[in-house]
Amino acid sequence: MTISIATAIAARMRDELKRYVFVLPLALIASACAMTSPEQDPTVQRMAEMDGRLLRIERILSNQSLLEQSQRVDSLLTEVRALRGQIETLQHNQDSVKTQQRDLYADLDKRLQAVEGRGAVAPAVAGAASEDDAAAYKKAFDLLKDGKYAESSAAFTQFLSNYPQSSLIDNAHYWQGEAHYVGKEFTAALRSFKTVVEKYPDSRKLPDAWLKIGYCQYELKNWKESRDALNRVMQIAPDTQAAKLAEQRLTKLKAEGH
């Protein structure tokens, strides 16, 4: 009986030992896991790194999108500024044309009123002119007064062809030049006014013809020629309306840097 008790005790001790050997490693492993913080876990660290990289990539993509949008906005603003500049240029050109046209009409109107103030046109300047050429001249001049510039120019051309020896010939060249000038045919007008100063140096229209030569050269952007003609007016006809107009245009040329 004593042996049986000893055998039982020994068996019990072996069972306890086996359980201890099995449980101890598990306890150690659990203890080790419990001692490792999430920050020290390599897997957690790796996931955190990947998450950080993903956030950085998202920021980069977002910044690139914003940059593209900003560049597009800058491009649109540049286009708007360019269009605004073109509109302002067109408006300026339109205003300049309107001002120029008003000046042309105002100048012609002044001259026509001045002529009319001296009496009937044809008889006042006719001299030895025949009845036929005086009537033809008056017809062309009346068309000019009525604002029919193309018809007036054609009528003066016919007059010059039919009556080359008329005493009204210098005036006809001058008023034909006026018809071209108001019609903005500056090259043709220049030819008519030059004919007056070159062929009829004793004409009463000489100062006015030089003035209009200066005006035509101005419109054709021949600045030096314009100044020369305008200065000529002031030399040959000082203290006249033509000289005052010449001085005004010279001042304008200077102000414009020409």
Foldseek 3Di string as FASTA:
>chain_A
DVVVVVVVVVVVVVVVVVVCVVVVVVVVVVVVVVVQDLCNDVVSVVVVVVVVVVVVVVVVVVVVVVVVVVVVVVVVVVVVVVVVVVVVVVVVVVVVVVVVLVVLVVVVVVVVVVCVVVPQNLVVQQVPNDPVLSVLLSVLVVCVVVVVLVSSLVSLVVSCVVCVPGSCNLVSLQVNLSSCVSVVVLVSSLVSLVCNVPVPVPDPCVLVSLLSNLVSCVSVVVNVSNLVSLVVSCVPPNPDPSNVSSVVVVVVSVVVVD
